[in-house]
Amino acid sequence: MTADEEPGYGIGAVSRRLGVPAPTLRTWNLRYGVGPSRRSPGGHRRYDTRDLWRLEEMNRLIRSGVSPSDAAREVLRIETVPPAAPEAGTEEISSPATERPGIPTAAMLARAAMMLDSRTVYDWIEESLVRHGVPWTWERLVVPVFETICERQAESGASVEIEHLFSDRLLAALIRLTTRPAQPVNTRPVLLACAEDEQHSLPIYALAATLTADHRVETRVLGARTPYPALADAMRRLGPAVVFVWSQLPATGDPAPLASLPALRPPSLVVAGGTGWWEGLPASVPHVTSFQDALTRVLSALA
């Protein structure tokens, strides 16, 4: 079979072979240009032998500690496939022989944080983000680790340094995923900010990372403790489609300032996220408290 006739692989087969979720493969394609180079007669994108080898090499480099962007630059230099590369032409392809490191349990990750092992914490978080994406990592690892840290703080009154280290490494891993996608699906960005005096900004970075990496949504994150006048100025300058405001603690959940945010044309949907908000939110402001509900609400507004 000639190269032009080679049917190639679908994304499902490649995902199973590499152990990398399909959304991550799409992210590598959109962000770094490492993706399928063929189309089937029906117009579907297909991975050929060179594409597959590049992805296997990129996955290997990332597991060895190379950043995804550097790994992509390296594999895009590959012009020919090594002789040992698998032969394309069938949808069912076997799993690679090389064993990949597993994702840690929440208990393992918590122990690494308690030992202040910042490199291990970061590597495990990044590996989980690559393999499983932000929502899985957030729900299966991040939330349980924070619960463990909070329990330790309640028992001893200490461990603030553990919380800070874990938060810092998690934030560093999430920020890498919020880079503007090459071809965003939205013409007006999603603006995310914490309520005034709210210091817990990790949830908005996690939401921004998911929107960007998995859904090609352009976002802008203003971060913690955003004064409402600054948020209003940002809205006027950016004209966002959605404004997501996070309040985790009741001390920061006064809904009154939301009613004074500017009314834009076309209008922006303001969404209140988190459990800190008091009763009395404006009728036009939906309130979400879970990660999935926040994601669904923002994507629905964009659609």
C-alpha atoms as a PDB file:
ATOM      1  CA  MET A   1       0.000   0.000   0.000  1.00  0.00           C
ATOM      2  CA  THR A   2       1.407   3.417  -0.904  1.00  0.00           C
ATOM      3  CA  ALA A   3       1.622   6.344   1.478  1.00  0.00           C
ATOM      4  CA  ASP A   4      -1.188   8.097  -0.369  1.00  0.00           C
ATOM      5  CA  GLU A   5      -3.438   5.044   0.043  1.00  0.00           C
ATOM      6  CA  GLU A   6      -2.604   4.481   3.707  1.00  0.00           C
ATOM      7  CA  PRO A   7      -5.890   4.672   5.653  1.00  0.00           C
ATOM      8  CA  GLY A   8      -4.235   5.660   8.919  1.00  0.00           C
ATOM      9  CA  TYR A   9      -5.617   5.641  12.446  1.00  0.00           C
ATOM     10  CA  GLY A  10      -8.575   7.314  14.105  1.00  0.00           C
ATOM     11  CA  ILE A  11      -8.171   9.305  17.293  1.00  0.00           C
ATOM     12  CA  GLY A  12      -9.777   6.551  19.387  1.00  0.00           C
ATOM     13  CA  ALA A  13      -7.201   3.974  18.325  1.00  0.00           C
ATOM     14  CA  VAL A  14      -4.328   6.395  18.945  1.00  0.00           C
ATOM     15  CA  SER A  15      -5.746   7.307  22.342  1.00  0.00           C
ATOM     16  CA  ARG A  16      -5.915   3.640  23.359  1.00  0.00           C
ATOM     17  CA  ARG A  17      -2.400   2.956  22.147  1.00  0.00           C
ATOM     18  CA  LEU A  18      -0.775   5.876  23.952  1.00  0.00           C
ATOM     19  CA  GLY A  19      -2.976   5.879  27.039  1.00  0.00           C
ATOM     20  CA  VAL A  20      -3.592   9.581  26.371  1.00  0.00           C
ATOM     21  CA  PRO A  21      -7.181  10.901  26.439  1.00  0.00           C
ATOM     22  CA  ALA A  22      -8.615  12.040  23.119  1.00  0.00           C
ATOM     23  CA  PRO A  23      -9.162  15.626  24.410  1.00  0.00           C
ATOM     24  CA  THR A  24      -5.432  15.819  25.185  1.00  0.00           C
ATOM     25  CA  LEU A  25      -4.566  14.641  21.671  1.00  0.00           C
ATOM     26  CA  ARG A  26      -6.835  17.358  20.276  1.00  0.00           C
ATOM     27  CA  THR A  27      -5.103  19.901  22.512  1.00  0.00           C
ATOM     28  CA  TRP A  28      -1.675  18.817  21.236  1.00  0.00           C
ATOM     29  CA  ASN A  29      -2.965  19.255  17.706  1.00  0.00           C
ATOM     30  CA  LEU A  30      -4.573  22.657  18.245  1.00  0.00           C
ATOM     31  CA  ARG A  31      -1.889  24.137  20.470  1.00  0.00           C
ATOM     32  CA  TYR A  32       1.301  22.624  19.081  1.00  0.00           C
ATOM     33  CA  GLY A  33       0.419  21.349  15.615  1.00  0.00           C
ATOM     34  CA  VAL A  34       1.154  17.703  16.477  1.00  0.00           C
ATOM     35  CA  GLY A  35      -1.832  15.886  15.050  1.00  0.00           C
ATOM     36  CA  PRO A  36      -3.361  14.013  12.118  1.00  0.00           C
ATOM     37  CA  SER A  37      -2.075  14.912   8.665  1.00  0.00           C
ATOM     38  CA  ARG A  38      -4.467  12.860   6.530  1.00  0.00           C
ATOM     39  CA  ARG A  39      -8.148  12.730   5.763  1.00  0.00           C
ATOM     40  CA  SER A  40     -10.186   9.647   4.997  1.00  0.00           C
ATOM     41  CA  PRO A  41     -12.367   9.550   1.844  1.00  0.00           C
ATOM     42  CA  GLY A  42     -15.203  10.631   4.121  1.00  0.00           C
ATOM     43  CA  GLY A  43     -13.283  13.686   5.298  1.00  0.00           C
ATOM     44  CA  HIS A  44     -12.306  12.449   8.767  1.00  0.00           C
ATOM     45  CA  ARG A  45      -8.897  13.376  10.151  1.00  0.00           C
ATOM     46  CA  ARG A  46      -6.537  10.402  10.297  1.00  0.00           C
ATOM     47  CA  TYR A  47      -3.115   9.802  11.843  1.00  0.00           C
ATOM     48  CA  ASP A  48      -0.543   8.208   9.541  1.00  0.00           C
ATOM     49  CA  THR A  49       2.627   6.336  10.532  1.00  0.00           C
ATOM     50  CA  ARG A  50       4.704   9.477  10.960  1.00  0.00           C
ATOM     51  CA  ASP A  51       1.961  11.183  13.013  1.00  0.00           C
ATOM     52  CA  LEU A  52       1.743   8.174  15.315  1.00  0.00           C
ATOM     53  CA  TRP A  53       5.479   7.967  15.822  1.00  0.00           C
ATOM     54  CA  ARG A  54       5.622  11.684  16.601  1.00  0.00           C
ATOM     55  CA  LEU A  55       2.897  11.313  19.213  1.00  0.00           C
ATOM     56  CA  GLU A  56       4.623   8.319  20.807  1.00  0.00           C
ATOM     57  CA  GLU A  57       7.869  10.277  20.994  1.00  0.00           C
ATOM     58  CA  MET A  58       6.116  13.376  22.344  1.00  0.00           C
ATOM     59  CA  ASN A  59       4.421  11.299  25.020  1.00  0.00           C
ATOM     60  CA  ARG A  60       7.768   9.731  25.968  1.00  0.00           C
ATOM     61  CA  LEU A  61       9.465  13.153  26.211  1.00  0.00           C
ATOM     62  CA  ILE A  62       6.689  14.579  28.387  1.00  0.00           C
ATOM     63  CA  ARG A  63       6.898  11.581  30.742  1.00  0.00           C
ATOM     64  CA  SER A  64      10.649  12.128  31.033  1.00  0.00           C
ATOM     65  CA  GLY A  65      10.143  15.699  32.219  1.00  0.00           C
ATOM     66  CA  VAL A  66      10.231  17.738  28.986  1.00  0.00           C
ATOM     67  CA  SER A  67       7.551  20.425  28.742  1.00  0.00           C
ATOM     68  CA  PRO A  68       4.795  19.760  26.179  1.00  0.00           C
ATOM     69  CA  SER A  69       5.794  22.793  24.086  1.00  0.00           C
ATOM     70  CA  ASP A  70       9.469  21.739  23.958  1.00  0.00           C
ATOM     71  CA  ALA A  71       8.495  18.139  23.220  1.00  0.00           C
ATOM     72  CA  ALA A  72       6.300  19.308  20.343  1.00  0.00           C
ATOM     73  CA  ARG A  73       9.093  21.393  18.844  1.00  0.00           C
ATOM     74  CA  GLU A  74      11.387  18.388  19.027  1.00  0.00           C
ATOM     75  CA  VAL A  75       9.055  15.889  17.379  1.00  0.00           C
ATOM     76  CA  LEU A  76       7.967  18.289  14.624  1.00  0.00           C
ATOM     77  CA  ARG A  77      11.523  18.117  13.320  1.00  0.00           C
ATOM     78  CA  ILE A  78      11.003  14.433  12.522  1.00  0.00           C
ATOM     79  CA  GLU A  79      10.716  13.923   8.777  1.00  0.00           C
ATOM     80  CA  THR A  80      11.062  10.150   8.473  1.00  0.00           C
ATOM     81  CA  VAL A  81       9.795   7.279  10.580  1.00  0.00           C
ATOM     82  CA  PRO A  82      12.386   4.962  12.153  1.00  0.00           C
ATOM     83  CA  PRO A  83      12.379   1.390  10.753  1.00  0.00           C
ATOM     84  CA  ALA A  84      10.972   0.018  14.004  1.00  0.00           C
ATOM     85  CA  ALA A  85       7.827   2.136  13.815  1.00  0.00           C
ATOM     86  CA  PRO A  86       4.536   0.210  13.554  1.00  0.00           C
ATOM     87  CA  GLU A  87       2.947  -0.263  10.188  1.00  0.00           C
ATOM     88  CA  ALA A  88      -0.265   1.657   9.638  1.00  0.00           C
ATOM     89  CA  GLY A  89      -3.383   0.385   8.010  1.00  0.00           C
ATOM     90  CA  THR A  90      -5.594  -0.992  10.740  1.00  0.00           C
ATOM     91  CA  GLU A  91      -7.797   0.683  13.306  1.00  0.00           C
ATOM     92  CA  GLU A  92      -6.927  -1.812  16.041  1.00  0.00           C
ATOM     93  CA  ILE A  93      -3.349  -1.260  17.155  1.00  0.00           C
ATOM     94  CA  SER A  94      -1.707  -2.886  20.111  1.00  0.00           C
ATOM     95  CA  SER A  95      -0.677  -1.150  23.308  1.00  0.00           C
ATOM     96  CA  PRO A  96       2.948  -0.010  23.523  1.00  0.00           C
ATOM     97  CA  ALA A  97       5.356  -2.377  25.215  1.00  0.00           C
ATOM     98  CA  THR A  98       6.947   0.370  27.301  1.00  0.00           C
ATOM     99  CA  GLU A  99       5.245   0.684  30.649  1.00  0.00           C
ATOM    100  CA  ARG A 100       4.253   4.225  31.554  1.00  0.00           C
ATOM    101  CA  PRO A 101       4.390   5.602  35.072  1.00  0.00           C
ATOM    102  CA  GLY A 102       1.038   5.489  36.795  1.00  0.00           C
ATOM    103  CA  ILE A 103      -0.949   8.401  38.130  1.00  0.00           C
ATOM    104  CA  PRO A 104      -0.551   8.674  41.914  1.00  0.00           C
ATOM    105  CA  THR A 105      -3.376   8.283  44.349  1.00  0.00           C
ATOM    106  CA  ALA A 106      -4.562  11.331  46.263  1.00  0.00           C
ATOM    107  CA  ALA A 107      -2.867   9.887  49.370  1.00  0.00           C
ATOM    108  CA  MET A 108       0.467   9.615  47.534  1.00  0.00           C
ATOM    109  CA  LEU A 109       0.188  13.163  46.234  1.00  0.00           C
ATOM    110  CA  ALA A 110      -0.723  14.447  49.688  1.00  0.00           C
ATOM    111  CA  ARG A 111       2.331  12.721  51.193  1.00  0.00           C
ATOM    112  CA  ALA A 112       4.581  14.323  48.584  1.00  0.00           C
ATOM    113  CA  ALA A 113       3.102  17.724  49.456  1.00  0.00           C
ATOM    114  CA  MET A 114       3.607  17.113  53.184  1.00  0.00           C
ATOM    115  CA  MET A 115       7.252  16.279  52.486  1.00  0.00           C
ATOM    116  CA  LEU A 116       7.461  19.607  50.602  1.00  0.00           C
ATOM    117  CA  ASP A 117       8.655  17.680  47.549  1.00  0.00           C
ATOM    118  CA  SER A 118       7.691  20.356  45.057  1.00  0.00           C
ATOM    119  CA  ARG A 119       9.193  18.619  42.022  1.00  0.00           C
ATOM    120  CA  THR A 120       7.268  15.403  42.591  1.00  0.00           C
ATOM    121  CA  VAL A 121       4.055  17.294  43.304  1.00  0.00           C
ATOM    122  CA  TYR A 122       4.384  19.274  40.080  1.00  0.00           C
ATOM    123  CA  ASP A 123       5.379  16.257  37.964  1.00  0.00           C
ATOM    124  CA  TRP A 124       2.471  14.157  39.217  1.00  0.00           C
ATOM    125  CA  ILE A 125      -0.040  16.957  38.713  1.00  0.00           C
ATOM    126  CA  GLU A 126       1.214  17.636  35.197  1.00  0.00           C
ATOM    127  CA  GLU A 127       1.202  13.927  34.327  1.00  0.00           C
ATOM    128  CA  SER A 128      -2.400  13.647  35.503  1.00  0.00           C
ATOM    129  CA  LEU A 129      -3.420  16.744  33.552  1.00  0.00           C
ATOM    130  CA  VAL A 130      -1.860  15.330  30.387  1.00  0.00           C
ATOM    131  CA  ARG A 131      -3.292  11.849  30.839  1.00  0.00           C
ATOM    132  CA  HIS A 132      -6.740  12.628  32.238  1.00  0.00           C
ATOM    133  CA  GLY A 133      -7.439  16.344  31.829  1.00  0.00           C
ATOM    134  CA  VAL A 134      -8.364  19.052  34.320  1.00  0.00           C
ATOM    135  CA  PRO A 135     -11.816  17.893  35.554  1.00  0.00           C
ATOM    136  CA  TRP A 136     -10.590  14.376  36.404  1.00  0.00           C
ATOM    137  CA  THR A 137      -7.452  15.706  38.095  1.00  0.00           C
ATOM    138  CA  TRP A 138      -9.420  18.302  40.027  1.00  0.00           C
ATOM    139  CA  GLU A 139     -12.061  15.922  41.324  1.00  0.00           C
ATOM    140  CA  ARG A 140      -9.912  12.792  41.868  1.00  0.00           C
ATOM    141  CA  LEU A 141      -6.676  14.361  43.131  1.00  0.00           C
ATOM    142  CA  VAL A 142      -6.830  18.078  43.910  1.00  0.00           C
ATOM    143  CA  VAL A 143      -9.978  18.175  46.040  1.00  0.00           C
ATOM    144  CA  PRO A 144      -9.022  15.098  48.144  1.00  0.00           C
ATOM    145  CA  VAL A 145      -5.484  16.435  48.701  1.00  0.00           C
ATOM    146  CA  PHE A 146      -6.816  19.787  49.886  1.00  0.00           C
ATOM    147  CA  GLU A 147      -9.232  17.963  52.199  1.00  0.00           C
ATOM    148  CA  THR A 148      -6.306  16.021  53.681  1.00  0.00           C
ATOM    149  CA  ILE A 149      -4.284  19.205  54.148  1.00  0.00           C
ATOM    150  CA  CYS A 150      -7.233  20.991  55.788  1.00  0.00           C
ATOM    151  CA  GLU A 151      -7.786  18.077  58.176  1.00  0.00           C
ATOM    152  CA  ARG A 152      -4.126  18.232  59.182  1.00  0.00           C
ATOM    153  CA  GLN A 153      -4.404  21.981  59.727  1.00  0.00           C
ATOM    154  CA  ALA A 154      -7.498  21.510  61.883  1.00  0.00           C
ATOM    155  CA  GLU A 155      -5.719  18.907  64.016  1.00  0.00           C
ATOM    156  CA  SER A 156      -2.392  20.680  64.483  1.00  0.00           C
ATOM    157  CA  GLY A 157      -3.030  24.301  63.620  1.00  0.00           C
ATOM    158  CA  ALA A 158      -0.032  24.110  61.290  1.00  0.00           C
ATOM    159  CA  SER A 159       0.678  22.943  57.724  1.00  0.00           C
ATOM    160  CA  VAL A 160       0.131  26.320  56.041  1.00  0.00           C
ATOM    161  CA  GLU A 161       3.428  25.784  54.228  1.00  0.00           C
ATOM    162  CA  ILE A 162       2.073  22.520  52.778  1.00  0.00           C
ATOM    163  CA  GLU A 163      -1.047  24.231  51.472  1.00  0.00           C
ATOM    164  CA  HIS A 164       1.018  27.022  49.938  1.00  0.00           C
ATOM    165  CA  LEU A 165       3.434  24.651  48.209  1.00  0.00           C
ATOM    166  CA  PHE A 166       0.677  22.460  46.812  1.00  0.00           C
ATOM    167  CA  SER A 167      -1.305  25.503  45.647  1.00  0.00           C
ATOM    168  CA  ASP A 168       1.749  27.020  43.989  1.00  0.00           C
ATOM    169  CA  ARG A 169       2.641  23.858  42.048  1.00  0.00           C
ATOM    170  CA  LEU A 170      -0.968  23.290  41.017  1.00  0.00           C
ATOM    171  CA  LEU A 171      -1.282  26.884  39.819  1.00  0.00           C
ATOM    172  CA  ALA A 172       1.937  26.595  37.797  1.00  0.00           C
ATOM    173  CA  ALA A 173       0.624  23.470  36.058  1.00  0.00           C
ATOM    174  CA  LEU A 174      -2.780  25.015  35.321  1.00  0.00           C
ATOM    175  CA  ILE A 175      -1.423  28.289  33.952  1.00  0.00           C
ATOM    176  CA  ARG A 176       0.456  26.359  31.267  1.00  0.00           C
ATOM    177  CA  LEU A 177      -2.898  25.210  29.916  1.00  0.00           C
ATOM    178  CA  THR A 178      -4.493  28.656  29.663  1.00  0.00           C
ATOM    179  CA  THR A 179      -2.469  29.891  26.677  1.00  0.00           C
ATOM    180  CA  ARG A 180      -4.728  31.287  23.963  1.00  0.00           C
ATOM    181  CA  PRO A 181      -5.657  28.509  21.508  1.00  0.00           C
ATOM    182  CA  ALA A 182      -4.500  28.912  17.915  1.00  0.00           C
ATOM    183  CA  GLN A 183      -8.082  28.964  16.605  1.00  0.00           C
ATOM    184  CA  PRO A 184     -10.479  29.809  19.457  1.00  0.00           C
ATOM    185  CA  VAL A 185     -14.116  28.929  18.996  1.00  0.00           C
ATOM    186  CA  ASN A 186     -15.276  32.218  20.521  1.00  0.00           C
ATOM    187  CA  THR A 187     -14.841  35.736  19.186  1.00  0.00           C
ATOM    188  CA  ARG A 188     -15.511  37.322  22.598  1.00  0.00           C
ATOM    189  CA  PRO A 189     -13.430  35.984  25.498  1.00  0.00           C
ATOM    190  CA  VAL A 190     -14.562  34.492  28.774  1.00  0.00           C
ATOM    191  CA  LEU A 191     -13.422  36.694  31.651  1.00  0.00           C
ATOM    192  CA  LEU A 192     -12.751  35.020  35.017  1.00  0.00           C
ATOM    193  CA  ALA A 193     -12.061  36.764  38.301  1.00  0.00           C
ATOM    194  CA  CYS A 194     -12.335  36.319  42.037  1.00  0.00           C
ATOM    195  CA  ALA A 195     -14.693  38.514  44.010  1.00  0.00           C
ATOM    196  CA  GLU A 196     -13.127  41.463  45.758  1.00  0.00           C
ATOM    197  CA  ASP A 197     -11.013  40.215  48.726  1.00  0.00           C
ATOM    198  CA  GLU A 198     -11.433  36.554  47.644  1.00  0.00           C
ATOM    199  CA  GLN A 199      -7.966  34.964  47.694  1.00  0.00           C
ATOM    200  CA  HIS A 200      -8.856  31.427  46.538  1.00  0.00           C
ATOM    201  CA  SER A 201      -8.180  31.689  42.804  1.00  0.00           C
ATOM    202  CA  LEU A 202      -7.347  28.078  41.897  1.00  0.00           C
ATOM    203  CA  PRO A 203     -10.927  27.206  40.840  1.00  0.00           C
ATOM    204  CA  ILE A 204     -11.024  29.935  38.178  1.00  0.00           C
ATOM    205  CA  TYR A 205      -7.649  28.828  36.799  1.00  0.00           C
ATOM    206  CA  ALA A 206      -8.898  25.231  36.672  1.00  0.00           C
ATOM    207  CA  LEU A 207     -12.026  26.339  34.821  1.00  0.00           C
ATOM    208  CA  ALA A 208      -9.996  28.487  32.422  1.00  0.00           C
ATOM    209  CA  ALA A 209      -7.585  25.600  31.755  1.00  0.00           C
ATOM    210  CA  THR A 210     -10.461  23.252  30.943  1.00  0.00           C
ATOM    211  CA  LEU A 211     -12.151  25.753  28.657  1.00  0.00           C
ATOM    212  CA  THR A 212      -8.920  26.445  26.800  1.00  0.00           C
ATOM    213  CA  ALA A 213      -7.312  23.005  26.612  1.00  0.00           C
ATOM    214  CA  ASP A 214     -10.426  20.896  26.017  1.00  0.00           C
ATOM    215  CA  HIS A 215     -12.792  23.296  24.245  1.00  0.00           C
ATOM    216  CA  ARG A 216     -10.570  25.878  22.472  1.00  0.00           C
ATOM    217  CA  VAL A 217     -12.183  28.764  24.359  1.00  0.00           C
ATOM    218  CA  GLU A 218     -10.221  31.983  24.706  1.00  0.00           C
ATOM    219  CA  THR A 219     -10.165  33.150  28.322  1.00  0.00           C
ATOM    220  CA  ARG A 220      -8.781  36.004  30.396  1.00  0.00           C
ATOM    221  CA  VAL A 221      -8.054  35.380  34.089  1.00  0.00           C
ATOM    222  CA  LEU A 222      -7.777  38.390  36.408  1.00  0.00           C
ATOM    223  CA  GLY A 223      -6.970  36.259  39.446  1.00  0.00           C
ATOM    224  CA  ALA A 224      -7.508  36.762  43.161  1.00  0.00           C
ATOM    225  CA  ARG A 225      -8.968  39.779  44.950  1.00  0.00           C
ATOM    226  CA  THR A 226     -10.188  41.633  41.872  1.00  0.00           C
ATOM    227  CA  PRO A 227     -11.733  45.004  42.829  1.00  0.00           C
ATOM    228  CA  TYR A 228     -15.115  45.440  41.208  1.00  0.00           C
ATOM    229  CA  PRO A 229     -14.119  48.739  39.515  1.00  0.00           C
ATOM    230  CA  ALA A 230     -11.186  46.888  37.914  1.00  0.00           C
ATOM    231  CA  LEU A 231     -13.503  44.094  36.788  1.00  0.00           C
ATOM    232  CA  ALA A 232     -15.873  46.662  35.301  1.00  0.00           C
ATOM    233  CA  ASP A 233     -13.007  48.340  33.409  1.00  0.00           C
ATOM    234  CA  ALA A 234     -11.878  44.961  32.047  1.00  0.00           C
ATOM    235  CA  MET A 235     -15.405  44.220  30.865  1.00  0.00           C
ATOM    236  CA  ARG A 236     -15.567  47.524  28.957  1.00  0.00           C
ATOM    237  CA  ARG A 237     -12.199  46.914  27.338  1.00  0.00           C
ATOM    238  CA  LEU A 238     -12.717  43.254  26.395  1.00  0.00           C
ATOM    239  CA  GLY A 239     -16.467  42.988  25.793  1.00  0.00           C
ATOM    240  CA  PRO A 240     -16.528  39.398  27.117  1.00  0.00           C
ATOM    241  CA  ALA A 241     -19.255  36.917  26.288  1.00  0.00           C
ATOM    242  CA  VAL A 242     -19.214  35.564  29.848  1.00  0.00           C
ATOM    243  CA  VAL A 243     -17.951  37.008  33.130  1.00  0.00           C
ATOM    244  CA  PHE A 244     -17.375  34.342  35.787  1.00  0.00           C
ATOM    245  CA  VAL A 245     -16.937  35.696  39.337  1.00  0.00           C
ATOM    246  CA  TRP A 246     -15.799  33.317  42.078  1.00  0.00           C
ATOM    247  CA  SER A 247     -16.576  33.593  45.803  1.00  0.00           C
ATOM    248  CA  GLN A 248     -15.512  30.751  48.056  1.00  0.00           C
ATOM    249  CA  LEU A 249     -15.980  32.337  51.487  1.00  0.00           C
ATOM    250  CA  PRO A 250     -19.092  34.122  52.784  1.00  0.00           C
ATOM    251  CA  ALA A 251     -16.965  37.124  53.708  1.00  0.00           C
ATOM    252  CA  THR A 252     -16.511  37.813  49.986  1.00  0.00           C
ATOM    253  CA  GLY A 253     -19.985  36.869  48.765  1.00  0.00           C
ATOM    254  CA  ASP A 254     -21.899  40.152  48.848  1.00  0.00           C
ATOM    255  CA  PRO A 255     -23.998  40.052  45.654  1.00  0.00           C
ATOM    256  CA  ALA A 256     -24.721  43.805  45.523  1.00  0.00           C
ATOM    257  CA  PRO A 257     -21.649  44.781  43.448  1.00  0.00           C
ATOM    258  CA  LEU A 258     -22.649  42.359  40.694  1.00  0.00           C
ATOM    259  CA  ALA A 259     -25.735  44.459  39.970  1.00  0.00           C
ATOM    260  CA  SER A 260     -23.523  47.477  39.303  1.00  0.00           C
ATOM    261  CA  LEU A 261     -21.341  45.815  36.666  1.00  0.00           C
ATOM    262  CA  PRO A 262     -21.657  47.541  33.275  1.00  0.00           C
ATOM    263  CA  ALA A 263     -24.408  46.571  30.843  1.00  0.00           C
ATOM    264  CA  LEU A 264     -22.611  45.965  27.567  1.00  0.00           C
ATOM    265  CA  ARG A 265     -23.815  45.696  23.987  1.00  0.00           C
ATOM    266  CA  PRO A 266     -23.840  42.867  23.098  1.00  0.00           C
ATOM    267  CA  PRO A 267     -24.532  41.840  26.684  1.00  0.00           C
ATOM    268  CA  SER A 268     -22.220  39.741  28.851  1.00  0.00           C
ATOM    269  CA  LEU A 269     -23.603  36.882  30.912  1.00  0.00           C
ATOM    270  CA  VAL A 270     -22.387  37.268  34.499  1.00  0.00           C
ATOM    271  CA  VAL A 271     -22.122  33.943  36.347  1.00  0.00           C
ATOM    272  CA  ALA A 272     -21.587  33.699  40.120  1.00  0.00           C
ATOM    273  CA  GLY A 273     -19.511  30.665  41.059  1.00  0.00           C
ATOM    274  CA  GLY A 274     -18.752  29.203  44.470  1.00  0.00           C
ATOM    275  CA  THR A 275     -20.446  28.652  47.804  1.00  0.00           C
ATOM    276  CA  GLY A 276     -19.617  32.039  49.285  1.00  0.00           C
ATOM    277  CA  TRP A 277     -22.406  34.047  47.652  1.00  0.00           C
ATOM    278  CA  TRP A 278     -25.208  35.299  49.868  1.00  0.00           C
ATOM    279  CA  GLU A 279     -28.865  35.185  48.969  1.00  0.00           C
ATOM    280  CA  GLY A 280     -30.081  38.022  46.792  1.00  0.00           C
ATOM    281  CA  LEU A 281     -28.079  37.523  43.608  1.00  0.00           C
ATOM    282  CA  PRO A 282     -29.496  39.545  40.687  1.00  0.00           C
ATOM    283  CA  ALA A 283     -32.098  37.576  38.746  1.00  0.00           C
ATOM    284  CA  SER A 284     -29.950  37.740  35.625  1.00  0.00           C
ATOM    285  CA  VAL A 285     -26.947  36.143  37.381  1.00  0.00           C
ATOM    286  CA  PRO A 286     -27.014  32.324  37.518  1.00  0.00           C
ATOM    287  CA  HIS A 287     -25.296  30.682  40.486  1.00  0.00           C
ATOM    288  CA  VAL A 288     -23.207  27.507  40.138  1.00  0.00           C
ATOM    289  CA  THR A 289     -21.358  25.628  42.853  1.00  0.00           C
ATOM    290  CA  SER A 290     -19.850  22.604  41.085  1.00  0.00           C
ATOM    291  CA  PHE A 291     -17.061  22.387  38.527  1.00  0.00           C
ATOM    292  CA  GLN A 292     -19.237  20.611  35.971  1.00  0.00           C
ATOM    293  CA  ASP A 293     -22.132  23.052  36.375  1.00  0.00           C
ATOM    294  CA  ALA A 294     -19.751  25.987  35.893  1.00  0.00           C
ATOM    295  CA  LEU A 295     -18.301  24.441  32.748  1.00  0.00           C
ATOM    296  CA  THR A 296     -21.734  23.608  31.347  1.00  0.00           C
ATOM    297  CA  ARG A 297     -23.099  27.091  32.044  1.00  0.00           C
ATOM    298  CA  VAL A 298     -20.177  28.853  30.341  1.00  0.00           C
ATOM    299  CA  LEU A 299     -20.193  26.585  27.287  1.00  0.00           C
ATOM    300  CA  SER A 300     -23.960  26.930  26.946  1.00  0.00           C
ATOM    301  CA  ALA A 301     -23.629  30.710  26.948  1.00  0.00           C
ATOM    302  CA  LEU A 302     -21.006  30.550  24.211  1.00  0.00           C
ATOM    303  CA  ALA A 303     -23.135  28.221  22.118  1.00  0.00           C
END
